[in-house]
C-alpha atoms as a PDB file:
ATOM      1  CA  MET A   1     -17.619   3.911 -21.242  1.00  0.00           C
ATOM      2  CA  VAL A   2     -19.158   7.062 -19.765  1.00  0.00           C
ATOM      3  CA  GLY A   3     -18.015  10.560 -18.887  1.00  0.00           C
ATOM      4  CA  LEU A   4     -17.463  11.645 -15.321  1.00  0.00           C
ATOM      5  CA  GLU A   5     -20.609  13.781 -15.368  1.00  0.00           C
ATOM      6  CA  ALA A   6     -22.656  10.624 -15.982  1.00  0.00           C
ATOM      7  CA  ILE A   7     -21.526   8.978 -12.739  1.00  0.00           C
ATOM      8  CA  ALA A   8     -21.612  12.078 -10.505  1.00  0.00           C
ATOM      9  CA  PRO A   9     -25.286  11.658  -9.442  1.00  0.00           C
ATOM     10  CA  TYR A  10     -24.668   8.093  -8.170  1.00  0.00           C
ATOM     11  CA  HIS A  11     -23.371   8.660  -4.650  1.00  0.00           C
ATOM     12  CA  ASP A  12     -23.242   4.969  -3.692  1.00  0.00           C
ATOM     13  CA  SER A  13     -21.398   3.934  -6.863  1.00  0.00           C
ATOM     14  CA  ARG A  14     -17.995   2.454  -7.447  1.00  0.00           C
ATOM     15  CA  ILE A  15     -15.758   3.090 -10.432  1.00  0.00           C
ATOM     16  CA  VAL A  16     -14.233   0.220 -12.374  1.00  0.00           C
ATOM     17  CA  VAL A  17     -11.482   0.978 -14.894  1.00  0.00           C
ATOM     18  CA  ILE A  18     -10.482  -1.711 -17.356  1.00  0.00           C
ATOM     19  CA  SER A  19      -6.841  -1.496 -18.423  1.00  0.00           C
ATOM     20  CA  PRO A  20      -5.131  -0.270 -20.464  1.00  0.00           C
ATOM     21  CA  THR A  21      -5.645   3.392 -19.759  1.00  0.00           C
ATOM     22  CA  LEU A  22      -4.415   6.275 -21.820  1.00  0.00           C
ATOM     23  CA  PRO A  23      -0.890   7.511 -21.008  1.00  0.00           C
ATOM     24  CA  GLY A  24      -1.079  10.453 -18.608  1.00  0.00           C
ATOM     25  CA  LEU A  25      -4.630   9.695 -17.515  1.00  0.00           C
ATOM     26  CA  SER A  26      -3.637   9.382 -13.852  1.00  0.00           C
ATOM     27  CA  ASP A  27      -1.963  12.794 -13.856  1.00  0.00           C
ATOM     28  CA  HIS A  28      -4.899  14.339 -15.705  1.00  0.00           C
ATOM     29  CA  LEU A  29      -7.424  12.941 -13.207  1.00  0.00           C
ATOM     30  CA  ALA A  30      -5.309  13.891 -10.189  1.00  0.00           C
ATOM     31  CA  GLY A  31      -5.437  17.508 -11.371  1.00  0.00           C
ATOM     32  CA  SER A  32      -9.185  17.477 -11.917  1.00  0.00           C
ATOM     33  CA  PRO A  33     -11.268  18.950  -9.074  1.00  0.00           C
ATOM     34  CA  PHE A  34     -14.325  17.189 -10.477  1.00  0.00           C
ATOM     35  CA  TRP A  35     -12.609  13.766 -10.223  1.00  0.00           C
ATOM     36  CA  THR A  36     -11.260  14.303  -6.720  1.00  0.00           C
ATOM     37  CA  TYR A  37     -14.709  15.240  -5.375  1.00  0.00           C
ATOM     38  CA  LEU A  38     -16.574  12.254  -6.834  1.00  0.00           C
ATOM     39  CA  PRO A  39     -17.949  10.173  -3.927  1.00  0.00           C
ATOM     40  CA  PRO A  40     -16.308   6.876  -5.036  1.00  0.00           C
ATOM     41  CA  VAL A  41     -12.933   8.623  -5.433  1.00  0.00           C
ATOM     42  CA  LYS A  42     -13.235  10.187  -1.956  1.00  0.00           C
ATOM     43  CA  ARG A  43     -14.023   6.727  -0.513  1.00  0.00           C
ATOM     44  CA  ASN A  44     -11.162   5.041  -2.410  1.00  0.00           C
ATOM     45  CA  GLN A  45     -13.619   2.916  -4.345  1.00  0.00           C
ATOM     46  CA  VAL A  46     -11.915   3.070  -7.717  1.00  0.00           C
ATOM     47  CA  TYR A  47     -10.963  -0.330  -9.024  1.00  0.00           C
ATOM     48  CA  GLN A  48      -8.615  -0.987 -11.927  1.00  0.00           C
ATOM     49  CA  ILE A  49      -8.655  -4.436 -13.445  1.00  0.00           C
ATOM     50  CA  GLU A  50      -6.585  -6.178 -16.115  1.00  0.00           C
ATOM     51  CA  PRO A  51      -7.620  -6.066 -19.749  1.00  0.00           C
ATOM     52  CA  VAL A  52     -10.589  -8.267 -20.513  1.00  0.00           C
ATOM     53  CA  TRP A  53     -12.881  -8.742 -23.501  1.00  0.00           C
ATOM     54  CA  PRO A  54     -16.408  -9.067 -22.023  1.00  0.00           C
ATOM     55  CA  PHE A  55     -18.137  -9.727 -25.353  1.00  0.00           C
ATOM     56  CA  GLY A  56     -16.682 -13.124 -26.244  1.00  0.00           C
ATOM     57  CA  GLY A  57     -18.917 -15.581 -24.451  1.00  0.00           C
ATOM     58  CA  VAL A  58     -18.832 -17.532 -21.212  1.00  0.00           C
ATOM     59  CA  TYR A  59     -15.095 -17.680 -20.538  1.00  0.00           C
ATOM     60  CA  PRO A  60     -14.292 -13.986 -21.035  1.00  0.00           C
ATOM     61  CA  VAL A  61     -17.314 -13.032 -18.923  1.00  0.00           C
ATOM     62  CA  LYS A  62     -16.182 -15.477 -16.232  1.00  0.00           C
ATOM     63  CA  ARG A  63     -12.698 -13.858 -16.304  1.00  0.00           C
ATOM     64  CA  LEU A  64     -14.294 -10.411 -15.995  1.00  0.00           C
ATOM     65  CA  ALA A  65     -16.313 -11.621 -12.981  1.00  0.00           C
ATOM     66  CA  ILE A  66     -13.212 -13.063 -11.308  1.00  0.00           C
ATOM     67  CA  LEU A  67     -11.133  -9.921 -11.937  1.00  0.00           C
ATOM     68  CA  LEU A  68     -13.914  -7.690 -10.639  1.00  0.00           C
ATOM     69  CA  ALA A  69     -14.505  -9.838  -7.534  1.00  0.00           C
ATOM     70  CA  ASP A  70     -10.759  -9.925  -6.771  1.00  0.00           C
ATOM     71  CA  ALA A  71     -10.472  -6.139  -7.174  1.00  0.00           C
ATOM     72  CA  LEU A  72     -13.462  -5.518  -4.881  1.00  0.00           C
ATOM     73  CA  LEU A  73     -12.070  -7.876  -2.224  1.00  0.00           C
ATOM     74  CA  GLU A  74      -8.610  -6.258  -2.479  1.00  0.00           C
ATOM     75  CA  GLY A  75     -10.031  -2.775  -1.955  1.00  0.00           C
ATOM     76  CA  GLY A  76     -10.147   0.349  -4.040  1.00  0.00           C
ATOM     77  CA  ARG A  77      -7.433   2.674  -5.100  1.00  0.00           C
ATOM     78  CA  ASN A  78      -7.659   6.436  -4.977  1.00  0.00           C
ATOM     79  CA  ASN A  79      -6.261   6.869  -8.459  1.00  0.00           C
ATOM     80  CA  VAL A  80      -5.925   5.115 -11.794  1.00  0.00           C
ATOM     81  CA  ARG A  81      -2.483   3.725 -12.552  1.00  0.00           C
END
């Protein structure tokens, strides 16, 4: 987990959000000028995936890889839901 200022310098990046998100996060981000001007947000390259525990071994990491691949193939969203 990193702050928005940490990803700002990476212009060719994508943002992956692992659910669940905090209540009201979508509204908070939508009102943030910093968020709306991030390159991945402008390009609709924000991906939200289902909850996953990536520290449990082969099967959770495989599930993370599948969820991430599916999200990338589906296309990004311009907000976090």
